[in-house]
Protein backbone atom coordinates (compact mmCIF):
# COMPACT_ATOMS: atom_id res chain seq x y z
CA MET A 1 13.78 -12.49 27.87
CA PHE A 2 10.50 -13.88 29.13
CA TYR A 3 10.19 -11.00 31.88
CA LYS A 4 10.96 -8.57 29.19
CA PHE A 5 8.22 -10.22 26.53
CA LYS A 6 5.57 -10.54 29.28
CA ASN A 7 6.24 -6.69 30.35
CA PHE A 8 5.80 -5.66 26.11
CA ILE A 9 2.80 -7.80 26.17
CA ASP A 10 1.01 -6.69 29.26
CA HIS A 11 1.44 -2.95 28.50
CA SER A 12 -1.60 -2.20 26.56
CA TYR A 13 0.32 1.20 25.43
CA ALA A 14 2.82 -1.17 23.52
CA ARG A 15 0.00 -3.01 22.23
CA ASN A 16 -1.43 -0.25 20.37
CA VAL A 17 1.96 0.92 19.06
CA SER A 18 2.78 -2.56 18.12
CA PHE A 19 0.08 -2.52 15.86
CA ALA A 20 1.11 -0.40 13.26
CA TYR A 21 4.61 -1.86 13.99
CA LEU A 22 2.94 -5.46 12.48
CA MET A 23 1.17 -3.76 10.05
CA GLY A 24 4.24 -2.45 8.46
CA LEU A 25 5.94 -6.25 8.62
CA PHE A 26 2.45 -8.01 7.87
CA CYS A 27 1.99 -6.20 4.60
CA VAL A 28 5.59 -7.09 3.31
CA THR A 29 5.81 -9.90 4.37
CA LEU A 30 2.81 -12.26 5.01
CA GLY A 31 -0.07 -11.44 2.65
CA SER A 32 -3.06 -11.58 3.76
CA ALA A 33 -2.31 -12.20 7.27
CA SER A 34 -2.32 -8.38 7.69
CA THR A 35 -5.74 -8.48 6.27
CA ALA A 36 -6.70 -11.06 9.10
CA LEU A 37 -4.51 -8.50 11.60
CA LEU A 38 -6.51 -5.50 10.21
CA ILE A 39 -10.37 -6.99 10.50
CA CYS A 40 -9.57 -7.94 14.50
CA ALA A 41 -7.78 -4.50 14.92
CA PHE A 42 -11.07 -2.73 13.15
CA VAL A 43 -13.62 -4.91 15.65
CA THR A 44 -11.64 -3.84 18.77
CA ILE A 45 -10.95 -0.16 18.05
CA ILE A 46 -14.49 0.36 16.57
CA PHE A 47 -16.90 -1.62 18.73
CA PHE A 48 -15.17 -2.38 21.75
CA ASN A 49 -13.14 0.62 21.81
CA ILE A 50 -12.57 1.21 25.93
CA LYS A 51 -11.67 4.86 25.74
CA ILE A 52 -14.53 5.83 23.70
CA THR A 53 -18.09 4.90 23.67
CA PHE A 54 -19.78 3.63 20.15
CA ARG A 55 -22.13 6.60 20.21
CA GLU A 56 -19.30 8.91 20.78
CA LEU A 57 -17.07 7.38 18.23
CA TYR A 58 -20.10 7.88 16.03
CA LEU A 59 -20.10 11.99 16.98
CA GLU A 60 -16.38 11.94 16.68
CA THR A 61 -16.33 10.34 13.38
CA VAL A 62 -18.92 13.08 12.35
CA SER A 63 -17.27 16.22 13.89
CA PHE A 64 -13.96 14.70 11.90
CA ALA A 65 -15.80 14.57 8.75
CA LYS A 66 -17.04 18.27 9.04
CA LYS A 67 -13.95 19.30 9.77
CA MET A 68 -12.25 17.52 7.22
CA PRO A 69 -14.41 16.80 4.18
CA ILE A 70 -11.85 14.79 2.05
CA VAL A 71 -12.24 11.85 4.12
CA LEU A 72 -15.68 11.08 2.85
CA VAL A 73 -14.34 10.02 -0.30
CA PHE A 74 -13.76 6.80 1.44
CA PRO A 75 -17.17 5.73 2.45
CA LEU A 76 -18.66 7.97 -1.10
CA PHE A 77 -16.12 5.39 -3.11
CA TYR A 78 -17.45 2.17 -1.33
CA PHE A 79 -21.09 2.66 -1.67
CA TRP A 80 -21.03 3.82 -5.84
CA VAL A 81 -18.79 0.40 -5.98
CA ILE A 82 -21.82 -1.01 -4.42
CA LEU A 83 -24.61 0.43 -6.00
CA THR A 84 -23.06 0.19 -9.55
CA SER A 85 -22.49 -3.56 -8.96
CA LEU A 86 -26.14 -4.03 -9.00
CA GLN A 87 -26.39 -4.29 -12.69
CA GLY A 88 -26.02 -8.11 -13.91
CA GLY A 89 -28.19 -11.16 -13.63
CA ASP A 90 -26.73 -12.60 -9.94
CA TRP A 91 -26.88 -9.02 -8.52
CA PHE A 92 -26.83 -10.30 -5.14
CA HIS A 93 -23.29 -12.39 -5.61
CA ASP A 94 -21.73 -9.34 -7.28
CA VAL A 95 -22.57 -7.02 -4.26
CA THR A 96 -21.94 -9.80 -1.54
CA PHE A 97 -18.05 -9.97 -3.31
CA LEU A 98 -17.70 -6.33 -3.64
CA ALA A 99 -18.93 -5.36 -0.47
CA GLY A 100 -16.20 -7.85 0.98
CA SER A 101 -13.51 -6.27 -1.66
CA TYR A 102 -13.51 -3.11 -0.57
CA TRP A 103 -15.12 -3.21 3.10
CA GLN A 104 -11.92 -1.41 4.46
CA PHE A 105 -12.87 1.83 3.02
CA LEU A 106 -16.37 1.89 4.79
CA PHE A 107 -14.46 1.51 8.36
CA MET A 108 -11.68 4.15 7.44
CA VAL A 109 -12.62 7.20 9.35
CA PRO A 110 -14.01 5.19 12.37
CA ALA A 111 -10.95 3.51 12.54
CA THR A 112 -9.07 6.65 12.65
CA VAL A 113 -11.20 8.41 15.21
CA GLY A 114 -11.08 4.97 17.20
CA LEU A 115 -7.32 4.76 16.87
CA PHE A 116 -6.70 8.51 18.33
CA TYR A 117 -8.57 7.94 21.35
CA LEU A 118 -6.49 4.96 22.27
CA SER A 119 -3.07 6.86 21.95
CA LYS A 120 -2.98 10.34 21.27
CA ASP A 121 0.38 11.22 21.09
CA VAL A 122 1.96 8.74 18.77
CA ASN A 123 3.29 9.00 15.27
CA PHE A 124 1.78 5.75 14.04
CA ALA A 125 3.34 6.67 10.42
CA SER A 126 6.42 6.69 11.88
CA VAL A 127 5.73 3.05 13.82
CA PHE A 128 4.27 1.66 10.36
CA THR A 129 7.85 2.87 8.47
CA ARG A 130 9.38 0.89 10.77
CA GLY A 131 7.78 -1.78 10.33
CA CYS A 132 7.64 -1.90 6.81
CA ARG A 133 11.65 -1.36 7.02
CA PHE A 134 11.92 -4.57 8.86
CA GLY A 135 9.93 -6.50 6.59
CA LEU A 136 12.00 -5.44 3.90
CA LEU A 137 14.42 -7.04 5.39
CA PHE A 138 13.61 -10.68 4.21
CA VAL A 139 12.04 -10.10 0.65
CA VAL A 140 15.70 -10.71 -1.33
CA PRO A 141 16.41 -13.66 0.65
CA LEU A 142 12.82 -15.45 0.16
CA SER A 143 13.13 -14.04 -3.62
CA LEU A 144 16.68 -15.85 -3.87
CA VAL A 145 15.23 -18.82 -2.45
CA GLN A 146 12.50 -19.30 -4.80
CA ILE A 147 15.02 -19.00 -8.14
CA TYR A 148 17.67 -20.56 -6.96
CA PHE A 149 15.94 -23.51 -5.08
CA LEU A 150 12.37 -23.51 -6.03
CA ASN A 151 12.90 -22.52 -9.49
CA LEU A 152 10.17 -20.25 -9.40
CA ARG A 153 9.59 -16.67 -10.62
CA PRO A 154 10.06 -14.22 -7.17
CA GLU A 155 6.59 -13.94 -5.36
CA GLY A 156 7.19 -13.98 -1.93
CA ILE A 157 4.35 -15.88 0.06
CA LEU A 158 1.64 -14.04 -2.01
CA SER A 159 1.59 -16.56 -5.24
CA ASN A 160 1.72 -13.76 -7.02
CA SER A 161 4.79 -11.72 -8.40
CA LEU A 162 2.70 -8.59 -9.69
CA ILE A 163 1.32 -8.23 -5.93
CA PHE A 164 4.80 -9.04 -4.19
CA ALA A 165 6.27 -6.64 -6.60
CA SER A 166 3.76 -4.21 -5.58
CA LEU A 167 4.21 -4.37 -1.79
CA CYS A 168 7.81 -4.27 -2.22
CA ILE A 169 7.91 -0.66 -4.12
CA ALA A 170 5.31 1.07 -1.77
CA ALA A 171 7.21 -0.53 1.49
CA ALA A 172 10.48 0.50 0.16
CA GLY A 173 9.31 4.17 -0.98
CA ILE A 174 8.03 4.93 2.90
CA ALA A 175 11.00 3.04 4.61
CA ILE A 176 13.12 5.99 3.48
CA ILE A 177 11.45 8.51 4.93
CA GLU A 178 13.15 10.39 8.19
CA TRP A 179 11.46 10.78 11.35
CA PRO A 180 12.51 13.06 14.31
CA GLU A 181 13.27 9.53 16.43
CA ASP A 182 15.37 7.97 13.68
CA THR A 183 19.04 7.75 14.80
CA GLN A 184 22.01 8.29 12.26
CA ARG A 185 22.09 4.32 12.11
CA ILE A 186 18.29 3.55 11.52
CA LYS A 187 18.66 6.50 8.26
CA THR A 188 21.47 4.53 6.90
CA TRP A 189 19.68 1.01 7.21
CA SER A 190 16.64 2.77 5.68
CA TRP A 191 18.48 3.42 2.56
CA VAL A 192 19.75 -0.05 2.88
CA VAL A 193 16.48 -2.03 3.02
CA PHE A 194 15.16 0.81 -0.05
CA VAL A 195 17.47 -0.73 -2.25
CA SER A 196 16.72 -4.37 -0.94
CA GLY A 197 12.98 -3.88 -1.71
CA MET A 198 13.73 -2.65 -5.38
CA VAL A 199 16.26 -5.23 -6.28
CA ALA A 200 13.14 -7.81 -4.74
CA ALA A 201 10.54 -5.95 -7.29
CA LEU A 202 13.03 -5.91 -10.35
CA LEU A 203 13.60 -10.01 -9.58
CA THR A 204 10.13 -10.48 -10.46
CA PHE A 205 10.79 -9.43 -13.98
CA SER A 206 7.44 -7.62 -13.72
CA ARG A 207 7.49 -5.60 -17.13
CA GLY A 208 4.38 -3.36 -15.28
CA MET A 209 6.79 -2.68 -12.42
CA LEU A 210 9.56 -0.60 -13.85
CA LEU A 211 7.45 2.85 -13.98
CA PRO A 212 6.46 2.55 -10.67
CA ILE A 213 10.17 1.46 -9.18
CA GLY A 214 11.50 4.27 -11.72
CA LEU A 215 9.04 7.03 -10.22
CA VAL A 216 9.64 6.02 -6.67
CA THR A 217 13.42 5.91 -7.22
CA LEU A 218 13.33 9.62 -8.44
CA ILE A 219 10.99 10.64 -5.42
CA ALA A 220 13.78 8.75 -3.22
CA ILE A 221 16.56 10.82 -4.80
CA TYR A 222 14.69 14.06 -4.54
CA TYR A 223 13.98 13.76 -1.17
CA PHE A 224 17.63 12.55 -0.42
CA ILE A 225 18.88 15.78 -2.08
CA LYS A 226 16.45 18.30 -0.95
CA ASN A 227 16.97 17.04 2.70
CA LYS A 228 20.62 16.23 2.79
CA SER A 229 21.27 18.94 4.95
CA ARG A 230 19.33 16.94 7.63
CA PHE A 231 20.87 13.57 6.82
CA SER A 232 24.34 12.02 8.23
CA ILE A 233 24.13 9.12 6.69
CA ASP A 234 27.03 6.50 6.17
CA ILE A 235 27.60 6.94 2.33
CA LYS A 236 30.42 4.02 2.28
CA THR A 237 27.75 1.50 3.61
CA ILE A 238 25.12 2.37 1.29
CA GLY A 239 27.73 1.82 -1.25
CA ILE A 240 28.91 -1.30 -0.43
CA THR A 241 25.43 -2.21 0.09
CA LEU A 242 24.70 -1.20 -3.06
CA ALA A 243 27.31 -3.05 -4.95
CA CYS A 244 26.30 -6.08 -3.39
CA PHE A 245 22.70 -5.95 -4.35
CA ILE A 246 23.42 -5.23 -7.72
CA GLY A 247 25.81 -8.46 -7.61
CA ILE A 248 22.77 -11.06 -6.36
CA LEU A 249 21.08 -9.19 -9.44
CA ILE A 250 23.40 -10.22 -12.02
CA ALA A 251 23.90 -13.59 -10.33
CA SER A 252 20.35 -14.16 -10.11
CA ILE A 253 19.87 -13.60 -13.91
CA SER A 254 22.79 -15.94 -14.46
CA THR A 255 21.25 -19.12 -13.14
CA ASP A 256 18.93 -21.22 -15.52
CA ASN A 257 15.75 -20.11 -13.45
CA GLY A 258 16.64 -16.01 -13.70
CA TRP A 259 17.72 -16.37 -17.52
CA ARG A 260 14.45 -18.33 -18.39
CA ILE A 261 12.28 -15.95 -16.83
CA LEU A 262 14.17 -12.39 -18.10
CA ASN A 263 14.29 -14.08 -21.72
CA LYS A 264 10.87 -15.07 -21.41
CA ARG A 265 9.40 -11.53 -20.11
CA ILE A 266 11.98 -9.51 -21.43
CA ILE A 267 14.13 -10.41 -24.39
CA GLU A 268 11.44 -12.37 -26.44
CA PRO A 269 9.00 -9.53 -26.56
CA ILE A 270 11.75 -6.90 -27.58
CA GLN A 271 12.86 -9.34 -30.02
CA LEU A 272 9.57 -10.44 -31.57
CA TYR A 273 8.91 -6.54 -32.01
CA GLN A 274 12.22 -5.72 -33.76
CA LYS A 275 11.54 -8.70 -36.12
CA ASP A 276 8.10 -7.88 -36.84
CA ARG A 277 6.57 -4.72 -35.27
CA SER A 278 4.33 -7.33 -33.41
CA PHE A 279 3.38 -7.95 -29.60
CA ASP A 280 3.85 -11.01 -27.75
CA ARG A 281 0.54 -12.86 -26.66
CA SER A 282 0.76 -11.39 -22.79
CA ILE A 283 1.06 -7.81 -24.14
CA SER A 284 -1.39 -8.35 -27.33
CA GLN A 285 -4.13 -9.26 -24.77
CA ARG A 286 -3.66 -6.14 -22.37
CA LEU A 287 -3.38 -3.68 -25.38
CA ASP A 288 -6.37 -5.26 -26.63
CA MET A 289 -8.31 -4.90 -23.35
CA GLN A 290 -7.33 -1.24 -23.45
CA LEU A 291 -8.96 -0.61 -26.69
CA THR A 292 -12.33 -2.47 -26.28
CA GLY A 293 -12.69 -0.85 -22.61
CA PHE A 294 -11.98 2.24 -23.36
CA TYR A 295 -14.77 2.02 -25.81
CA ALA A 296 -16.86 0.37 -23.52
CA PHE A 297 -16.93 3.23 -21.06
CA THR A 298 -17.92 5.56 -23.96
CA GLN A 299 -21.20 3.87 -24.71
CA LYS A 300 -22.44 3.95 -21.04
CA PRO A 301 -20.04 6.53 -19.35
CA LEU A 302 -22.14 7.72 -16.34
CA THR A 303 -22.80 4.61 -14.30
CA GLY A 304 -20.68 2.08 -16.04
CA TYR A 305 -21.66 -1.76 -15.93
CA GLY A 306 -20.84 -2.52 -12.33
CA ILE A 307 -17.36 -3.75 -11.99
CA GLN A 308 -17.75 -7.47 -12.09
CA ASN A 309 -18.87 -7.12 -15.45
CA ALA A 310 -15.80 -5.03 -16.77
CA VAL A 311 -13.85 -7.82 -18.79
CA GLN A 312 -16.70 -9.43 -20.15
CA GLN A 313 -18.29 -5.69 -21.60
CA SER A 314 -14.72 -5.59 -22.87
CA ASN A 315 -15.31 -8.85 -24.53
CA ASP A 316 -18.75 -8.28 -25.74
CA VAL A 317 -17.62 -4.91 -28.15
CA SER A 318 -14.25 -6.78 -29.30
CA MET A 319 -15.78 -7.42 -32.50
CA VAL A 320 -16.52 -3.45 -33.33
CA VAL A 321 -13.18 -2.08 -31.99
CA LEU A 322 -10.88 -5.06 -33.07
CA ASP A 323 -12.77 -7.21 -35.74
CA ARG A 324 -12.69 -10.10 -34.18
CA GLU A 325 -14.12 -11.82 -30.99
CA THR A 326 -12.11 -11.75 -27.73
CA ASN A 327 -12.71 -14.19 -24.99
CA TYR A 328 -10.50 -13.07 -21.90
CA THR A 329 -11.29 -14.27 -18.41
CA TYR A 330 -8.86 -11.69 -17.02
CA THR A 331 -10.81 -10.24 -13.37
CA HIS A 332 -9.69 -6.86 -14.44
CA LEU A 333 -8.17 -5.01 -17.36
CA HIS A 334 -4.91 -4.42 -16.25
CA ASN A 335 -5.58 -1.25 -15.78
CA ASP A 336 -7.29 -0.21 -12.60
CA TYR A 337 -8.48 3.26 -13.81
CA LEU A 338 -10.31 1.66 -16.80
CA THR A 339 -11.21 -1.11 -14.74
CA HIS A 340 -13.25 1.43 -12.45
CA ALA A 341 -14.42 3.75 -15.67
CA VAL A 342 -15.89 0.80 -17.15
CA GLY A 343 -17.34 -0.34 -13.80
CA GLY A 344 -18.92 2.62 -12.51
CA GLY A 345 -18.42 5.24 -15.36
CA ILE A 346 -16.74 8.63 -14.80
CA ILE A 347 -18.27 9.30 -11.19
CA LEU A 348 -16.19 5.93 -9.90
CA LEU A 349 -13.55 7.35 -12.04
CA ILE A 350 -13.09 10.80 -10.43
CA LEU A 351 -13.79 8.76 -7.25
CA PHE A 352 -10.78 6.29 -7.82
CA VAL A 353 -8.28 8.91 -8.29
CA ILE A 354 -9.14 11.22 -5.60
CA VAL A 355 -8.91 8.34 -3.37
CA ILE A 356 -5.37 7.17 -4.64
CA PHE A 357 -4.39 10.84 -4.16
CA SER A 358 -6.16 11.59 -1.14
CA PRO A 359 -2.80 11.51 1.00
CA VAL A 360 -1.30 13.84 -0.74
CA LEU A 361 -4.47 15.98 -0.47
CA MET A 362 -4.78 15.64 2.89
CA THR A 363 -0.83 16.75 3.70
CA TRP A 364 -0.33 19.06 0.85
CA GLN A 365 -0.31 22.20 3.16
CA PHE A 366 2.65 19.78 4.98
CA ARG A 367 5.18 20.48 2.34
CA LYS A 368 7.29 23.02 3.35
CA ASP A 369 6.55 22.51 7.11
CA LYS A 370 9.67 21.06 8.81
CA ARG A 371 7.73 19.73 11.44
CA GLU A 372 5.29 17.58 9.42
CA SER A 373 7.31 17.59 5.91
CA SER A 374 7.92 13.84 6.71
CA LEU A 375 3.92 13.34 6.68
CA PHE A 376 4.08 14.83 2.98
CA TYR A 377 6.65 12.67 2.09
CA PHE A 378 5.05 9.59 2.90
CA SER A 379 1.65 10.49 1.59
CA LEU A 380 3.61 11.19 -1.59
CA VAL A 381 5.38 7.65 -2.20
CA LEU A 382 2.10 5.87 -0.75
CA SER A 383 -0.30 7.82 -3.80
CA VAL A 384 2.68 7.99 -6.31
CA ALA A 385 3.48 3.91 -5.73
CA PHE A 386 -0.29 3.02 -5.69
CA ALA A 387 -0.88 5.35 -9.11
CA THR A 388 1.53 3.97 -11.28
CA ILE A 389 1.03 0.27 -10.02
CA ALA A 390 -2.50 1.16 -10.79
CA MET A 391 -1.55 2.09 -14.66
CA THR A 392 -0.41 -1.88 -15.35
CA ASN A 393 -2.12 -3.93 -12.48
CA LEU A 394 -5.54 -3.48 -9.52
CA VAL A 395 -4.99 -2.46 -6.57
CA PHE A 396 -8.46 -2.19 -4.56
CA ARG A 397 -9.90 -5.54 -5.24
CA ASN A 398 -6.71 -7.15 -3.94
CA ASP A 399 -6.82 -7.53 -0.10
CA GLN A 400 -3.26 -6.95 0.64
CA LEU A 401 -2.84 -3.84 -1.31
CA THR A 402 -6.32 -2.68 -0.34
CA THR A 403 -4.68 -3.07 3.62
CA MET A 404 -1.88 -1.59 2.92
CA PHE A 405 -3.01 1.60 1.11
CA CYS A 406 -5.87 1.91 4.02
CA VAL A 407 -3.65 1.17 6.81
CA ALA A 408 -1.03 3.98 5.76
CA CYS A 409 -4.12 6.21 4.93
CA ILE A 410 -5.65 5.92 8.37
CA PHE A 411 -1.53 6.50 9.85
CA VAL A 412 -2.13 9.83 8.15
CA MET A 413 -5.81 10.61 9.27
CA VAL A 414 -5.07 9.69 12.87
CA ARG A 415 -2.16 12.96 12.32
CA ARG A 416 -4.34 15.11 11.02
CA LEU A 417 -6.79 14.42 13.66
CA GLN A 418 -4.32 14.91 16.47
CA ILE A 419 -3.64 18.44 14.78
CA ILE A 420 -7.40 19.36 14.92
CA LYS A 421 -7.59 18.02 18.53
CA GLY A 422 -4.26 20.29 19.51
CA VAL A 423 -1.82 17.67 20.00
CA GLU A 424 1.29 19.49 18.27
CA THR A 425 3.96 17.05 19.56
CA VAL A 426 3.89 13.52 18.34
CA ARG A 427 6.47 10.53 19.48
CA THR A 428 7.36 7.05 18.14
CA PRO A 429 7.68 5.54 21.50
CA ASP A 430 10.68 3.18 22.33
CA MET A 431 9.22 -0.53 22.54
CA ALA A 432 13.00 -1.57 24.52
CA ILE A 433 11.68 0.83 27.45
CA ILE A 434 8.72 -0.46 27.56
CA ALA A 435 10.03 -4.13 27.67
CA ASN A 436 12.38 -3.49 30.52
CA GLY A 437 9.49 -2.67 32.92
CA ILE A 438 10.09 1.17 32.37
CA ASN A 439 7.34 3.44 31.34
CA PRO A 440 8.09 5.74 28.47
CA ILE A 441 9.16 9.58 29.59
CA GLY A 442 5.77 11.54 30.43
CA LEU A 443 3.15 8.67 30.79
CA LYS A 444 1.54 7.87 33.61
CA PRO A 445 1.50 4.39 35.06
CA GLU A 446 -1.80 2.36 33.06
CA LYS A 447 -4.04 1.08 35.20
CA SER A 448 -4.81 -2.78 34.53
CA GLY A 449 -6.76 -3.72 31.02
CA GLU A 450 -6.46 -0.33 29.98
CA PHE A 451 -5.04 1.47 27.28
CA LEU A 452 -3.05 4.56 27.68
CA GLY A 453 -4.68 8.16 26.18
């Protein structure tokens, strides 16, 4: 066992590939550890890349941007966020905070180029998918521990139920994407972990997550129907798994803690509305912010007020809109489209929407291509999940969500760069082969301390 582990660690090609696998695993299970891993990877890939000098990396990045201009939306989005944040009294603090919240977007394109030169033939999106699948095996057990033994609303290790549910939904959608190297067993288990991720998201009883769960599930069903001729999965296994997870869901609700959460978040708000057509405090505050936020946006639609000032600006106009003052202390307006519109005006709103749907825009031409359609559906699930989550929550000022979105986008861009560079066939390396001391087929033995290209 130690020999296999040493072979794996010593093999730099394996280390390159395992980055994508660990990102998928960490994004689902370990929260901010995924961001820490991304920081280390960016520093290595961009500034200490042994396959390409920094100057060559810069020139290749410019060339890539010229051939695929859509990638420029990421740094443009970053700089407009920073520029509009200069408004306000403590602008230095605001700029520093937002620069640290959106930093991933600044380095995405050069990181894409650097990663391509480290391992030119790897399907990183497929490896990332496998990492997400493995991570989803743990989300339901962790949720059950928190419900049954800790009397908590499920939140993983993230201390935030909404973020935990969001990551589970996005990862579950990605998990069902079929790649060429997937065996029948892997295809079956991909649907098992899809159900696991959705059940974990439902166990948080997050009302705002119902729409993302619904739309991602519809895409999954459509994807299955469209590709059923290529699928050869064990329906019996999936049926038994689905029945087990439904049983787990019902059993969790029947506990004192589960019923308390369900009653507070779902049943009582419905009963209150049926009784006198009013909303509970949480829903009322969110509706207030939608109204006041939209009015604040119309007062300064071009440049906005700075994202850090979005909630305060909505409070400032509350008397005009609601005939009463509000003093909400949230960090966002519970609608990331509106938060960016109030923060940076119509320009930032447009950039935000383009960023969200950039994976789809980059892969639209592959939707009917049998060889690359998996990449399109990978991108579609990613964009739809984040687009719907953004309707009721923030997505880009939370480091875990930002990291997951940006890393997945990088893996999509690597494939586009591979095509531009003439790499037609990519693959998902078998880590077990490397661990046994054998190079993957077609690779030359690597020299000590070098990455294979």
